[in-house]
Amino acid sequence: MCNYLYLVTAILLFIFIALSFNAAFTRRKSGLAVGEADNETLLRAVRAHGNFTEFTPMFLISLFLIDHISKNCEYILVIGSGFILGRIFHAFSMFLKKGILRVAGMMLTFIPLISNFVYLIIKLIK
């Protein structure tokens, strides 16, 4: 197994934990155990965490499969770094309310996901 897979996974786990704590602390500060009411700060914290949890598992599964079938460490490093940057940009966009960061974050999320999809399909066809 490529060591970069461990590194990418560890960094994504760190981001997940940070976003989880942020959502929990923001929820506690707002006094809302469930829902977001009209609290935009809480809604943004919850959605930053939720968006991360919606995209990251499939990316990691696909990256694990790519590592398993090809051991292409350079690909894992490059595509994993892009995905990590995308997730960081997206999370910051939610807190800073910067649309350009959100667009860049989602592009750097979708490009690695699509790339992994294409990679796996090509390996399947060969």
C-alpha atoms as a PDB file:
ATOM      1  CA  MET A   1       0.000   0.000   0.000  1.00  0.00           C
ATOM      2  CA  CYS A   2       1.258   3.434  -0.928  1.00  0.00           C
ATOM      3  CA  ASN A   3       2.289   5.586   2.040  1.00  0.00           C
ATOM      4  CA  TYR A   4       0.617   8.587   0.409  1.00  0.00           C
ATOM      5  CA  LEU A   5      -2.720   6.863   0.903  1.00  0.00           C
ATOM      6  CA  TYR A   6      -2.080   6.886   4.658  1.00  0.00           C
ATOM      7  CA  LEU A   7      -1.081  10.549   4.507  1.00  0.00           C
ATOM      8  CA  VAL A   8      -4.134  11.616   2.475  1.00  0.00           C
ATOM      9  CA  THR A   9      -6.433   9.640   4.778  1.00  0.00           C
ATOM     10  CA  ALA A  10      -4.836  11.100   7.927  1.00  0.00           C
ATOM     11  CA  ILE A  11      -5.164  14.661   6.639  1.00  0.00           C
ATOM     12  CA  LEU A  12      -8.788  14.097   5.668  1.00  0.00           C
ATOM     13  CA  LEU A  13      -9.472  12.599   9.105  1.00  0.00           C
ATOM     14  CA  PHE A  14      -7.957  15.691  10.708  1.00  0.00           C
ATOM     15  CA  ILE A  15     -10.194  17.962   8.610  1.00  0.00           C
ATOM     16  CA  PHE A  16     -13.220  15.811   9.472  1.00  0.00           C
ATOM     17  CA  ILE A  17     -12.452  16.053  13.196  1.00  0.00           C
ATOM     18  CA  ALA A  18     -11.912  19.833  12.976  1.00  0.00           C
ATOM     19  CA  LEU A  19     -15.206  20.336  11.129  1.00  0.00           C
ATOM     20  CA  SER A  20     -16.992  18.020  13.594  1.00  0.00           C
ATOM     21  CA  PHE A  21     -15.720  19.949  16.608  1.00  0.00           C
ATOM     22  CA  ASN A  22     -16.546  23.252  14.942  1.00  0.00           C
ATOM     23  CA  ALA A  23     -20.126  22.144  14.260  1.00  0.00           C
ATOM     24  CA  ALA A  24     -20.528  20.805  17.807  1.00  0.00           C
ATOM     25  CA  PHE A  25     -19.079  23.926  19.459  1.00  0.00           C
ATOM     26  CA  THR A  26     -21.141  26.218  17.232  1.00  0.00           C
ATOM     27  CA  ARG A  27     -24.256  24.190  18.037  1.00  0.00           C
ATOM     28  CA  ARG A  28     -23.503  24.379  21.772  1.00  0.00           C
ATOM     29  CA  LYS A  29     -22.835  28.123  21.586  1.00  0.00           C
ATOM     30  CA  SER A  30     -26.148  28.671  19.781  1.00  0.00           C
ATOM     31  CA  GLY A  31     -28.061  26.556  22.304  1.00  0.00           C
ATOM     32  CA  LEU A  32     -29.657  24.449  19.572  1.00  0.00           C
ATOM     33  CA  ALA A  33     -29.428  20.684  20.009  1.00  0.00           C
ATOM     34  CA  VAL A  34     -31.321  19.943  16.787  1.00  0.00           C
ATOM     35  CA  GLY A  35     -31.757  21.969  13.615  1.00  0.00           C
ATOM     36  CA  GLU A  36     -30.286  25.353  12.801  1.00  0.00           C
ATOM     37  CA  ALA A  37     -33.301  27.680  13.313  1.00  0.00           C
ATOM     38  CA  ASP A  38     -32.353  30.937  11.603  1.00  0.00           C
ATOM     39  CA  ASN A  39     -28.756  30.836  12.799  1.00  0.00           C
ATOM     40  CA  GLU A  40     -26.654  31.280   9.655  1.00  0.00           C
ATOM     41  CA  THR A  41     -23.378  30.621  11.489  1.00  0.00           C
ATOM     42  CA  LEU A  42     -24.674  27.291  12.746  1.00  0.00           C
ATOM     43  CA  LEU A  43     -26.119  26.404   9.352  1.00  0.00           C
ATOM     44  CA  ARG A  44     -22.756  27.104   7.699  1.00  0.00           C
ATOM     45  CA  ALA A  45     -20.875  25.002  10.279  1.00  0.00           C
ATOM     46  CA  VAL A  46     -23.296  22.101   9.888  1.00  0.00           C
ATOM     47  CA  ARG A  47     -23.217  22.267   6.074  1.00  0.00           C
ATOM     48  CA  ALA A  48     -19.403  22.508   5.951  1.00  0.00           C
ATOM     49  CA  HIS A  49     -19.262  19.316   8.012  1.00  0.00           C
ATOM     50  CA  GLY A  50     -22.106  17.685   6.090  1.00  0.00           C
ATOM     51  CA  ASN A  51     -20.667  18.478   2.681  1.00  0.00           C
ATOM     52  CA  PHE A  52     -17.327  17.020   3.745  1.00  0.00           C
ATOM     53  CA  THR A  53     -18.977  13.819   4.950  1.00  0.00           C
ATOM     54  CA  GLU A  54     -20.994  13.523   1.740  1.00  0.00           C
ATOM     55  CA  PHE A  55     -18.003  13.594  -0.615  1.00  0.00           C
ATOM     56  CA  THR A  56     -15.029  12.200   1.306  1.00  0.00           C
ATOM     57  CA  PRO A  57     -16.030   8.537   1.830  1.00  0.00           C
ATOM     58  CA  MET A  58     -16.487   7.772  -1.873  1.00  0.00           C
ATOM     59  CA  PHE A  59     -13.251   9.541  -2.688  1.00  0.00           C
ATOM     60  CA  LEU A  60     -11.332   7.485  -0.131  1.00  0.00           C
ATOM     61  CA  ILE A  61     -12.947   4.235  -1.273  1.00  0.00           C
ATOM     62  CA  SER A  62     -12.024   4.964  -4.882  1.00  0.00           C
ATOM     63  CA  LEU A  63      -8.487   5.983  -3.877  1.00  0.00           C
ATOM     64  CA  PHE A  64      -8.079   2.762  -1.889  1.00  0.00           C
ATOM     65  CA  LEU A  65      -9.209   0.736  -4.902  1.00  0.00           C
ATOM     66  CA  ILE A  66      -6.792   2.573  -7.175  1.00  0.00           C
ATOM     67  CA  ASP A  67      -3.964   1.883  -4.759  1.00  0.00           C
ATOM     68  CA  HIS A  68      -5.004  -1.743  -4.512  1.00  0.00           C
ATOM     69  CA  ILE A  69      -5.053  -2.343  -8.264  1.00  0.00           C
ATOM     70  CA  SER A  70      -2.179  -0.167  -9.433  1.00  0.00           C
ATOM     71  CA  LYS A  71       0.101   1.015  -6.604  1.00  0.00           C
ATOM     72  CA  ASN A  72       0.389   4.338  -8.476  1.00  0.00           C
ATOM     73  CA  CYS A  73       1.771   6.433  -5.607  1.00  0.00           C
ATOM     74  CA  GLU A  74       2.343   9.548  -7.710  1.00  0.00           C
ATOM     75  CA  TYR A  75      -1.280   9.553  -8.840  1.00  0.00           C
ATOM     76  CA  ILE A  76      -2.466   9.094  -5.243  1.00  0.00           C
ATOM     77  CA  LEU A  77      -0.319  11.998  -4.061  1.00  0.00           C
ATOM     78  CA  VAL A  78      -1.436  14.388  -6.802  1.00  0.00           C
ATOM     79  CA  ILE A  79      -5.141  13.513  -6.822  1.00  0.00           C
ATOM     80  CA  GLY A  80      -5.250  13.254  -3.026  1.00  0.00           C
ATOM     81  CA  SER A  81      -3.612  16.677  -2.648  1.00  0.00           C
ATOM     82  CA  GLY A  82      -6.111  18.191  -5.060  1.00  0.00           C
ATOM     83  CA  PHE A  83      -9.038  16.708  -3.169  1.00  0.00           C
ATOM     84  CA  ILE A  84      -7.632  17.904   0.177  1.00  0.00           C
ATOM     85  CA  LEU A  85      -7.237  21.442  -1.190  1.00  0.00           C
ATOM     86  CA  GLY A  86     -10.773  21.296  -2.534  1.00  0.00           C
ATOM     87  CA  ARG A  87     -12.167  20.294   0.823  1.00  0.00           C
ATOM     88  CA  ILE A  88     -10.167  23.001   2.622  1.00  0.00           C
ATOM     89  CA  PHE A  89     -11.265  25.675   0.123  1.00  0.00           C
ATOM     90  CA  HIS A  90     -14.888  24.604   0.428  1.00  0.00           C
ATOM     91  CA  ALA A  91     -14.830  24.623   4.232  1.00  0.00           C
ATOM     92  CA  PHE A  92     -13.215  28.067   4.366  1.00  0.00           C
ATOM     93  CA  SER A  93     -15.739  29.348   1.834  1.00  0.00           C
ATOM     94  CA  MET A  94     -18.527  28.399   4.197  1.00  0.00           C
ATOM     95  CA  PHE A  95     -16.981  30.365   7.051  1.00  0.00           C
ATOM     96  CA  LEU A  96     -15.635  33.339   5.091  1.00  0.00           C
ATOM     97  CA  LYS A  97     -18.669  33.578   2.769  1.00  0.00           C
ATOM     98  CA  LYS A  98     -16.437  33.756  -0.317  1.00  0.00           C
ATOM     99  CA  GLY A  99     -18.126  32.367  -3.415  1.00  0.00           C
ATOM    100  CA  ILE A 100     -14.900  32.037  -5.401  1.00  0.00           C
ATOM    101  CA  LEU A 101     -13.432  29.736  -2.737  1.00  0.00           C
ATOM    102  CA  ARG A 102     -16.576  27.634  -2.864  1.00  0.00           C
ATOM    103  CA  VAL A 103     -16.386  27.283  -6.643  1.00  0.00           C
ATOM    104  CA  ALA A 104     -12.674  26.400  -6.477  1.00  0.00           C
ATOM    105  CA  GLY A 105     -13.354  23.989  -3.632  1.00  0.00           C
ATOM    106  CA  MET A 106     -16.059  22.140  -5.501  1.00  0.00           C
ATOM    107  CA  MET A 107     -13.996  22.030  -8.712  1.00  0.00           C
ATOM    108  CA  LEU A 108     -11.089  20.552  -6.744  1.00  0.00           C
ATOM    109  CA  THR A 109     -13.526  18.052  -5.290  1.00  0.00           C
ATOM    110  CA  PHE A 110     -15.240  16.986  -8.506  1.00  0.00           C
ATOM    111  CA  ILE A 111     -12.093  16.780 -10.651  1.00  0.00           C
ATOM    112  CA  PRO A 112     -10.437  14.161  -8.391  1.00  0.00           C
ATOM    113  CA  LEU A 113     -13.708  12.221  -8.073  1.00  0.00           C
ATOM    114  CA  ILE A 114     -14.222  12.174 -11.839  1.00  0.00           C
ATOM    115  CA  SER A 115     -10.559  11.349 -12.368  1.00  0.00           C
ATOM    116  CA  ASN A 116     -10.844   8.370 -10.023  1.00  0.00           C
ATOM    117  CA  PHE A 117     -13.998   7.244 -11.809  1.00  0.00           C
ATOM    118  CA  VAL A 118     -12.254   7.375 -15.201  1.00  0.00           C
ATOM    119  CA  TYR A 119      -9.143   5.658 -13.795  1.00  0.00           C
ATOM    120  CA  LEU A 120     -11.215   2.782 -12.402  1.00  0.00           C
ATOM    121  CA  ILE A 121     -13.298   2.400 -15.573  1.00  0.00           C
ATOM    122  CA  ILE A 122     -10.152   2.273 -17.708  1.00  0.00           C
ATOM    123  CA  LYS A 123      -8.665  -0.386 -15.414  1.00  0.00           C
ATOM    124  CA  LEU A 124     -11.909  -2.347 -15.622  1.00  0.00           C
ATOM    125  CA  ILE A 125     -11.949  -2.254 -19.428  1.00  0.00           C
ATOM    126  CA  LYS A 126      -8.294  -3.305 -19.796  1.00  0.00           C
END
